[in-house]
PDB file of N, CA and C in Angstrom:
ATOM      1  N   MET A   1     151.374 162.836 133.199  1.00  0.00           N
ATOM      2  CA  MET A   1     152.459 162.931 134.141  1.00  0.00           C
ATOM      3  C   MET A   1     152.160 164.087 135.102  1.00  0.00           C
ATOM      4  N   PRO A   2     151.850 163.792 136.326  1.00  0.00           N
ATOM      5  CA  PRO A   2     151.603 164.867 137.289  1.00  0.00           C
ATOM      6  C   PRO A   2     152.874 165.669 137.554  1.00  0.00           C
ATOM      7  N   LEU A   3     152.713 166.959 137.677  1.00  0.00           N
ATOM      8  CA  LEU A   3     153.822 167.845 138.020  1.00  0.00           C
ATOM      9  C   LEU A   3     153.546 168.428 139.402  1.00  0.00           C
ATOM     10  N   HIS A   4     153.926 169.647 139.618  1.00  0.00           N
ATOM     11  CA  HIS A   4     153.805 170.279 140.924  1.00  0.00           C
ATOM     12  C   HIS A   4     152.626 171.260 140.958  1.00  0.00           C
ATOM     13  N   ASN A   5     151.932 171.364 142.082  1.00  0.00           N
ATOM     14  CA  ASN A   5     150.868 172.353 142.335  1.00  0.00           C
ATOM     15  C   ASN A   5     149.708 172.290 141.352  1.00  0.00           C
ATOM     16  N   GLY A   6     149.212 171.113 141.040  1.00  0.00           N
ATOM     17  CA  GLY A   6     148.028 170.972 140.202  1.00  0.00           C
ATOM     18  C   GLY A   6     148.275 170.919 138.707  1.00  0.00           C
ATOM     19  N   PHE A   7     149.512 170.981 138.276  1.00  0.00           N
ATOM     20  CA  PHE A   7     149.828 170.914 136.849  1.00  0.00           C
ATOM     21  C   PHE A   7     150.100 169.471 136.439  1.00  0.00           C
ATOM     22  N   ALA A   8     149.756 169.165 135.205  1.00  0.00           N
ATOM     23  CA  ALA A   8     150.039 167.834 134.655  1.00  0.00           C
ATOM     24  C   ALA A   8     150.323 167.969 133.166  1.00  0.00           C
ATOM     25  N   LEU A   9     151.186 167.111 132.646  1.00  0.00           N
ATOM     26  CA  LEU A   9     151.472 167.036 131.212  1.00  0.00           C
ATOM     27  C   LEU A   9     150.880 165.752 130.650  1.00  0.00           C
ATOM     28  N   TYR A  10     150.478 165.798 129.386  1.00  0.00           N
ATOM     29  CA  TYR A  10     150.009 164.587 128.722  1.00  0.00           C
ATOM     30  C   TYR A  10     150.493 164.595 127.279  1.00  0.00           C
ATOM     31  N   PHE A  11     150.565 163.420 126.699  1.00  0.00           N
ATOM     32  CA  PHE A  11     150.996 163.296 125.312  1.00  0.00           C
ATOM     33  C   PHE A  11     150.371 162.041 124.734  1.00  0.00           C
ATOM     34  N   GLY A  12     150.309 161.994 123.430  1.00  0.00           N
ATOM     35  CA  GLY A  12     149.731 160.836 122.762  1.00  0.00           C
ATOM     36  C   GLY A  12     149.743 161.044 121.257  1.00  0.00           C
ATOM     37  N   GLY A  13     149.005 160.220 120.565  1.00  0.00           N
ATOM     38  CA  GLY A  13     148.950 160.332 119.111  1.00  0.00           C
ATOM     39  C   GLY A  13     147.964 159.346 118.529  1.00  0.00           C
ATOM     40  N   GLY A  14     147.778 159.440 117.234  1.00  0.00           N
ATOM     41  CA  GLY A  14     146.860 158.539 116.558  1.00  0.00           C
ATOM     42  C   GLY A  14     146.792 158.830 115.076  1.00  0.00           C
ATOM     43  N   ILE A  15     145.841 158.189 114.427  1.00  0.00           N
ATOM     44  CA  ILE A  15     145.611 158.388 112.994  1.00  0.00           C
ATOM     45  C   ILE A  15     144.229 158.987 112.809  1.00  0.00           C
ATOM     46  N   PHE A  16     144.002 159.611 111.650  1.00  0.00           N
ATOM     47  CA  PHE A  16     142.687 160.167 111.364  1.00  0.00           C
ATOM     48  C   PHE A  16     142.367 160.035 109.881  1.00  0.00           C
ATOM     49  N   LEU A  17     141.081 160.092 109.581  1.00  0.00           N
ATOM     50  CA  LEU A  17     140.549 160.061 108.220  1.00  0.00           C
ATOM     51  C   LEU A  17     139.469 161.117 108.150  1.00  0.00           C
ATOM     52  N   SER A  18     139.503 161.960 107.121  1.00  0.00           N
ATOM     53  CA  SER A  18     138.531 163.040 107.018  1.00  0.00           C
ATOM     54  C   SER A  18     138.329 163.410 105.558  1.00  0.00           C
ATOM     55  N   SER A  19     137.557 164.466 105.328  1.00  0.00           N
ATOM     56  CA  SER A  19     137.302 164.961 103.983  1.00  0.00           C
ATOM     57  C   SER A  19     137.393 166.479 104.004  1.00  0.00           C
ATOM     58  N   TYR A  20     138.021 167.048 102.991  1.00  0.00           N
ATOM     59  CA  TYR A  20     138.160 168.488 102.862  1.00  0.00           C
ATOM     60  C   TYR A  20     137.309 168.946 101.690  1.00  0.00           C
ATOM     61  N   ASP A  21     136.362 169.834 101.956  1.00  0.00           N
ATOM     62  CA  ASP A  21     135.453 170.347 100.930  1.00  0.00           C
ATOM     63  C   ASP A  21     135.984 171.684 100.428  1.00  0.00           C
ATOM     64  N   TYR A  22     136.336 171.753  99.144  1.00  0.00           N
ATOM     65  CA  TYR A  22     136.852 172.999  98.604  1.00  0.00           C
ATOM     66  C   TYR A  22     135.897 173.621  97.586  1.00  0.00           C
ATOM     67  N   GLY A  23     134.611 173.376  97.742  1.00  0.00           N
ATOM     68  CA  GLY A  23     133.604 173.929  96.848  1.00  0.00           C
ATOM     69  C   GLY A  23     133.099 175.262  97.354  1.00  0.00           C
ATOM     70  N   PRO A  24     132.148 175.881  96.688  1.00  0.00           N
ATOM     71  CA  PRO A  24     131.564 175.381  95.442  1.00  0.00           C
ATOM     72  C   PRO A  24     132.454 175.691  94.241  1.00  0.00           C
ATOM     73  N   TYR A  25     132.405 174.797  93.282  1.00  0.00           N
ATOM     74  CA  TYR A  25     133.147 174.922  92.038  1.00  0.00           C
ATOM     75  C   TYR A  25     132.134 175.272  90.952  1.00  0.00           C
ATOM     76  N   ARG A  26     132.331 176.398  90.269  1.00  0.00           N
ATOM     77  CA  ARG A  26     131.389 176.864  89.243  1.00  0.00           C
ATOM     78  C   ARG A  26     132.014 176.734  87.859  1.00  0.00           C
ATOM     79  N   TYR A  27     131.213 176.250  86.935  1.00  0.00           N
ATOM     80  CA  TYR A  27     131.691 176.155  85.555  1.00  0.00           C
ATOM     81  C   TYR A  27     130.505 176.345  84.607  1.00  0.00           C
ATOM     82  N   LYS A  28     130.835 176.667  83.352  1.00  0.00           N
ATOM     83  CA  LYS A  28     129.811 176.998  82.353  1.00  0.00           C
ATOM     84  C   LYS A  28     129.979 176.088  81.145  1.00  0.00           C
ATOM     85  N   ILE A  29     128.885 175.438  80.749  1.00  0.00           N
ATOM     86  CA  ILE A  29     128.863 174.601  79.554  1.00  0.00           C
ATOM     87  C   ILE A  29     127.678 175.024  78.693  1.00  0.00           C
ATOM     88  N   ASP A  30     127.954 175.391  77.445  1.00  0.00           N
ATOM     89  CA  ASP A  30     126.927 175.817  76.493  1.00  0.00           C
ATOM     90  C   ASP A  30     126.016 176.890  77.068  1.00  0.00           C
ATOM     91  N   GLY A  31     126.581 177.870  77.760  1.00  0.00           N
ATOM     92  CA  GLY A  31     125.815 178.988  78.289  1.00  0.00           C
ATOM     93  C   GLY A  31     125.074 178.701  79.586  1.00  0.00           C
ATOM     94  N   VAL A  32     125.186 177.493  80.104  1.00  0.00           N
ATOM     95  CA  VAL A  32     124.506 177.137  81.357  1.00  0.00           C
ATOM     96  C   VAL A  32     125.552 177.000  82.462  1.00  0.00           C
ATOM     97  N   TRP A  33     125.289 177.693  83.584  1.00  0.00           N
ATOM     98  CA  TRP A  33     126.198 177.631  84.724  1.00  0.00           C
ATOM     99  C   TRP A  33     125.841 176.457  85.621  1.00  0.00           C
ATOM    100  N   TYR A  34     126.860 175.744  86.059  1.00  0.00           N
ATOM    101  CA  TYR A  34     126.698 174.623  86.981  1.00  0.00           C
ATOM    102  C   TYR A  34     127.506 174.903  88.242  1.00  0.00           C
ATOM    103  N   VAL A  35     126.981 174.462  89.354  1.00  0.00           N
ATOM    104  CA  VAL A  35     127.672 174.602  90.634  1.00  0.00           C
ATOM    105  C   VAL A  35     127.827 173.208  91.223  1.00  0.00           C
ATOM    106  N   GLU A  36     129.047 172.917  91.615  1.00  0.00           N
ATOM    107  CA  GLU A  36     129.353 171.589  92.143  1.00  0.00           C
ATOM    108  C   GLU A  36     130.257 171.734  93.365  1.00  0.00           C
ATOM    109  N   ARG A  37     129.973 170.962  94.373  1.00  0.00           N
ATOM    110  CA  ARG A  37     130.843 170.928  95.553  1.00  0.00           C
ATOM    111  C   ARG A  37     131.744 169.707  95.428  1.00  0.00           C
ATOM    112  N   ARG A  38     133.023 169.926  95.638  1.00  0.00           N
ATOM    113  CA  ARG A  38     133.967 168.824  95.530  1.00  0.00           C
ATOM    114  C   ARG A  38     134.692 168.642  96.852  1.00  0.00           C
ATOM    115  N   GLY A  39     134.879 167.428  97.214  1.00  0.00           N
ATOM    116  CA  GLY A  39     135.615 167.118  98.430  1.00  0.00           C
ATOM    117  C   GLY A  39     136.657 166.058  98.142  1.00  0.00           C
ATOM    118  N   ILE A  40     137.734 166.136  98.866  1.00  0.00           N
ATOM    119  CA  ILE A  40     138.771 165.126  98.709  1.00  0.00           C
ATOM    120  C   ILE A  40     139.010 164.475 100.071  1.00  0.00           C
ATOM    121  N   PRO A  41     139.095 163.164 100.097  1.00  0.00           N
ATOM    122  CA  PRO A  41     139.406 162.502 101.370  1.00  0.00           C
ATOM    123  C   PRO A  41     140.899 162.633 101.665  1.00  0.00           C
ATOM    124  N   TYR A  42     141.222 162.678 102.934  1.00  0.00           N
ATOM    125  CA  TYR A  42     142.622 162.681 103.326  1.00  0.00           C
ATOM    126  C   TYR A  42     142.777 161.936 104.646  1.00  0.00           C
ATOM    127  N   PHE A  43     143.981 161.539 104.923  1.00  0.00           N
ATOM    128  CA  PHE A  43     144.277 160.832 106.162  1.00  0.00           C
ATOM    129  C   PHE A  43     145.665 161.243 106.626  1.00  0.00           C
ATOM    130  N   GLY A  44     145.977 160.928 107.856  1.00  0.00           N
ATOM    131  CA  GLY A  44     147.292 161.274 108.361  1.00  0.00           C
ATOM    132  C   GLY A  44     147.486 160.790 109.774  1.00  0.00           C
ATOM    133  N   ILE A  45     148.587 161.242 110.342  1.00  0.00           N
ATOM    134  CA  ILE A  45     148.873 160.927 111.735  1.00  0.00           C
ATOM    135  C   ILE A  45     148.912 162.239 112.511  1.00  0.00           C
ATOM    136  N   GLU A  46     148.603 162.147 113.790  1.00  0.00           N
ATOM    137  CA  GLU A  46     148.534 163.336 114.615  1.00  0.00           C
ATOM    138  C   GLU A  46     149.112 163.030 115.993  1.00  0.00           C
ATOM    139  N   GLY A  47     149.873 163.950 116.510  1.00  0.00           N
ATOM    140  CA  GLY A  47     150.382 163.841 117.868  1.00  0.00           C
ATOM    141  C   GLY A  47     149.710 164.886 118.735  1.00  0.00           C
ATOM    142  N   VAL A  48     149.812 164.744 120.026  1.00  0.00           N
ATOM    143  CA  VAL A  48     149.276 165.748 120.943  1.00  0.00           C
ATOM    144  C   VAL A  48     150.222 165.879 122.127  1.00  0.00           C
ATOM    145  N   LEU A  49     150.456 167.115 122.515  1.00  0.00           N
ATOM    146  CA  LEU A  49     151.246 167.430 123.689  1.00  0.00           C
ATOM    147  C   LEU A  49     150.490 168.524 124.421  1.00  0.00           C
ATOM    148  N   GLY A  50     150.182 168.295 125.667  1.00  0.00           N
ATOM    149  CA  GLY A  50     149.368 169.261 126.384  1.00  0.00           C
ATOM    150  C   GLY A  50     149.728 169.392 127.845  1.00  0.00           C
ATOM    151  N   ALA A  51     149.144 170.423 128.443  1.00  0.00           N
ATOM    152  CA  ALA A  51     149.321 170.674 129.868  1.00  0.00           C
ATOM    153  C   ALA A  51     147.961 170.998 130.466  1.00  0.00           C
ATOM    154  N   ASP A  52     147.708 170.478 131.661  1.00  0.00           N
ATOM    155  CA  ASP A  52     146.473 170.734 132.392  1.00  0.00           C
ATOM    156  C   ASP A  52     146.801 171.398 133.715  1.00  0.00           C
ATOM    157  N   TYR A  53     145.852 172.226 134.177  1.00  0.00           N
ATOM    158  CA  TYR A  53     145.938 172.795 135.514  1.00  0.00           C
ATOM    159  C   TYR A  53     144.648 172.461 136.244  1.00  0.00           C
ATOM    160  N   TYR A  54     144.754 171.684 137.284  1.00  0.00           N
ATOM    161  CA  TYR A  54     143.614 171.302 138.112  1.00  0.00           C
ATOM    162  C   TYR A  54     143.432 172.367 139.189  1.00  0.00           C
ATOM    163  N   ILE A  55     142.353 173.137 139.092  1.00  0.00           N
ATOM    164  CA  ILE A  55     142.105 174.207 140.056  1.00  0.00           C
ATOM    165  C   ILE A  55     141.775 173.578 141.408  1.00  0.00           C
ATOM    166  N   PRO A  56     142.494 173.948 142.454  1.00  0.00           N
ATOM    167  CA  PRO A  56     142.283 173.318 143.766  1.00  0.00           C
ATOM    168  C   PRO A  56     140.858 173.506 144.297  1.00  0.00           C
ATOM    169  N   ASN A  57     140.323 172.455 144.881  1.00  0.00           N
ATOM    170  CA  ASN A  57     139.009 172.446 145.538  1.00  0.00           C
ATOM    171  C   ASN A  57     137.846 172.718 144.593  1.00  0.00           C
ATOM    172  N   THR A  58     138.037 172.531 143.293  1.00  0.00           N
ATOM    173  CA  THR A  58     136.956 172.664 142.310  1.00  0.00           C
ATOM    174  C   THR A  58     137.071 171.511 141.319  1.00  0.00           C
ATOM    175  N   PRO A  59     135.987 171.203 140.611  1.00  0.00           N
ATOM    176  CA  PRO A  59     136.058 170.169 139.584  1.00  0.00           C
ATOM    177  C   PRO A  59     136.435 170.717 138.202  1.00  0.00           C
ATOM    178  N   VAL A  60     137.026 171.912 138.151  1.00  0.00           N
ATOM    179  CA  VAL A  60     137.353 172.576 136.880  1.00  0.00           C
ATOM    180  C   VAL A  60     138.832 172.372 136.550  1.00  0.00           C
ATOM    181  N   VAL A  61     139.077 172.049 135.284  1.00  0.00           N
ATOM    182  CA  VAL A  61     140.441 171.842 134.786  1.00  0.00           C
ATOM    183  C   VAL A  61     140.646 172.738 133.564  1.00  0.00           C
ATOM    184  N   LEU A  62     141.736 173.473 133.537  1.00  0.00           N
ATOM    185  CA  LEU A  62     142.105 174.294 132.383  1.00  0.00           C
ATOM    186  C   LEU A  62     143.224 173.592 131.637  1.00  0.00           C
ATOM    187  N   GLY A  63     143.208 173.667 130.314  1.00  0.00           N
ATOM    188  CA  GLY A  63     144.235 172.976 129.555  1.00  0.00           C
ATOM    189  C   GLY A  63     144.632 173.696 128.280  1.00  0.00           C
ATOM    190  N   LEU A  64     145.783 173.338 127.793  1.00  0.00           N
ATOM    191  CA  LEU A  64     146.323 173.829 126.523  1.00  0.00           C
ATOM    192  C   LEU A  64     146.980 172.655 125.846  1.00  0.00           C
ATOM    193  N   ASP A  65     146.668 172.447 124.545  1.00  0.00           N
ATOM    194  CA  ASP A  65     147.347 171.372 123.835  1.00  0.00           C
ATOM    195  C   ASP A  65     147.774 171.814 122.449  1.00  0.00           C
ATOM    196  N   LEU A  66     148.857 171.214 121.975  1.00  0.00           N
ATOM    197  CA  LEU A  66     149.410 171.439 120.638  1.00  0.00           C
ATOM    198  C   LEU A  66     149.358 170.113 119.894  1.00  0.00           C
ATOM    199  N   ARG A  67     148.940 170.180 118.612  1.00  0.00           N
ATOM    200  CA  ARG A  67     148.787 168.959 117.831  1.00  0.00           C
ATOM    201  C   ARG A  67     149.462 169.107 116.460  1.00  0.00           C
ATOM    202  N   PRO A  68     150.651 168.529 116.305  1.00  0.00           N
ATOM    203  CA  PRO A  68     151.243 168.494 114.957  1.00  0.00           C
ATOM    204  C   PRO A  68     150.542 167.429 114.123  1.00  0.00           C
ATOM    205  N   ARG A  69     150.331 167.731 112.847  1.00  0.00           N
ATOM    206  CA  ARG A  69     149.629 166.805 111.942  1.00  0.00           C
ATOM    207  C   ARG A  69     150.431 166.618 110.668  1.00  0.00           C
ATOM    208  N   PHE A  70     150.379 165.410 110.148  1.00  0.00           N
ATOM    209  CA  PHE A  70     151.052 165.082 108.889  1.00  0.00           C
ATOM    210  C   PHE A  70     150.021 164.436 107.976  1.00  0.00           C
ATOM    211  N   PHE A  71     149.775 165.051 106.806  1.00  0.00           N
ATOM    212  CA  PHE A  71     148.724 164.644 105.878  1.00  0.00           C
ATOM    213  C   PHE A  71     149.285 163.939 104.662  1.00  0.00           C
ATOM    214  N   ASN A  72     148.393 163.269 103.930  1.00  0.00           N
ATOM    215  CA  ASN A  72     148.767 162.684 102.646  1.00  0.00           C
ATOM    216  C   ASN A  72     148.510 163.664 101.502  1.00  0.00           C
ATOM    217  N   VAL A  73     147.995 164.856 101.779  1.00  0.00           N
ATOM    218  CA  VAL A  73     147.725 165.878 100.761  1.00  0.00           C
ATOM    219  C   VAL A  73     148.390 167.176 101.198  1.00  0.00           C
ATOM    220  N   VAL A  74     148.495 168.121 100.265  1.00  0.00           N
ATOM    221  CA  VAL A  74     149.040 169.429 100.595  1.00  0.00           C
ATOM    222  C   VAL A  74     147.952 170.210 101.327  1.00  0.00           C
ATOM    223  N   TYR A  75     148.228 170.587 102.534  1.00  0.00           N
ATOM    224  CA  TYR A  75     147.267 171.295 103.378  1.00  0.00           C
ATOM    225  C   TYR A  75     148.046 172.364 104.133  1.00  0.00           C
ATOM    226  N   PRO A  76     147.543 173.583 104.205  1.00  0.00           N
ATOM    227  CA  PRO A  76     148.365 174.669 104.743  1.00  0.00           C
ATOM    228  C   PRO A  76     148.563 174.666 106.254  1.00  0.00           C
ATOM    229  N   TYR A  77     147.818 173.862 107.004  1.00  0.00           N
ATOM    230  CA  TYR A  77     147.901 173.913 108.461  1.00  0.00           C
ATOM    231  C   TYR A  77     148.494 172.621 109.010  1.00  0.00           C
ATOM    232  N   LEU A  78     149.758 172.647 109.367  1.00  0.00           N
ATOM    233  CA  LEU A  78     150.415 171.460 109.903  1.00  0.00           C
ATOM    234  C   LEU A  78     150.379 171.412 111.418  1.00  0.00           C
ATOM    235  N   TRP A  79     149.931 172.482 112.062  1.00  0.00           N
ATOM    236  CA  TRP A  79     149.820 172.529 113.522  1.00  0.00           C
ATOM    237  C   TRP A  79     148.420 172.988 113.894  1.00  0.00           C
ATOM    238  N   ASP A  80     147.962 172.513 115.010  1.00  0.00           N
ATOM    239  CA  ASP A  80     146.690 172.937 115.567  1.00  0.00           C
ATOM    240  C   ASP A  80     146.912 173.097 117.063  1.00  0.00           C
ATOM    241  N   ALA A  81     146.171 173.984 117.679  1.00  0.00           N
ATOM    242  CA  ALA A  81     146.294 174.204 119.116  1.00  0.00           C
ATOM    243  C   ALA A  81     144.914 174.432 119.698  1.00  0.00           C
ATOM    244  N   GLY A  82     144.795 174.210 120.980  1.00  0.00           N
ATOM    245  CA  GLY A  82     143.498 174.422 121.603  1.00  0.00           C
ATOM    246  C   GLY A  82     143.619 174.772 123.075  1.00  0.00           C
ATOM    247  N   LEU A  83     142.693 175.601 123.512  1.00  0.00           N
ATOM    248  CA  LEU A  83     142.518 175.904 124.928  1.00  0.00           C
ATOM    249  C   LEU A  83     141.243 175.177 125.347  1.00  0.00           C
ATOM    250  N   ASN A  84     141.221 174.643 126.545  1.00  0.00           N
ATOM    251  CA  ASN A  84     140.017 173.960 126.978  1.00  0.00           C
ATOM    252  C   ASN A  84     139.745 174.200 128.447  1.00  0.00           C
ATOM    253  N   VAL A  85     138.465 174.146 128.768  1.00  0.00           N
ATOM    254  CA  VAL A  85     137.975 174.207 130.128  1.00  0.00           C
ATOM    255  C   VAL A  85     137.104 172.984 130.310  1.00  0.00           C
ATOM    256  N   ARG A  86     137.424 172.155 131.298  1.00  0.00           N
ATOM    257  CA  ARG A  86     136.667 170.912 131.503  1.00  0.00           C
ATOM    258  C   ARG A  86     136.090 170.883 132.908  1.00  0.00           C
ATOM    259  N   TYR A  87     134.967 170.218 133.011  1.00  0.00           N
ATOM    260  CA  TYR A  87     134.338 169.970 134.302  1.00  0.00           C
ATOM    261  C   TYR A  87     134.432 168.483 134.564  1.00  0.00           C
ATOM    262  N   GLU A  88     135.065 168.082 135.636  1.00  0.00           N
ATOM    263  CA  GLU A  88     135.216 166.668 135.941  1.00  0.00           C
ATOM    264  C   GLU A  88     134.216 166.260 137.019  1.00  0.00           C
ATOM    265  N   PHE A  89     133.490 165.203 136.752  1.00  0.00           N
ATOM    266  CA  PHE A  89     132.482 164.704 137.695  1.00  0.00           C
ATOM    267  C   PHE A  89     133.129 163.924 138.817  1.00  0.00           C
TER     268      PHE A  89
END
């Protein structure tokens, strides 16, 4: 959605599938130490809300976006944010 003086808002969403690695996991059996990496798959939905600033007379765009996430596992980060600089051809 274009706004005034080079600013624009955008929004959207989607689903994702990933894996979280919480290793290495160390354990001892009969005096021998073992090291194992364990990962758990997870999935969820994610939204995005952002703002862009198109710098006048240049192909450079600055942006900021916020992404709320909802997982199928307990994960401490329910929000993500990002700053970006893009070059448009």
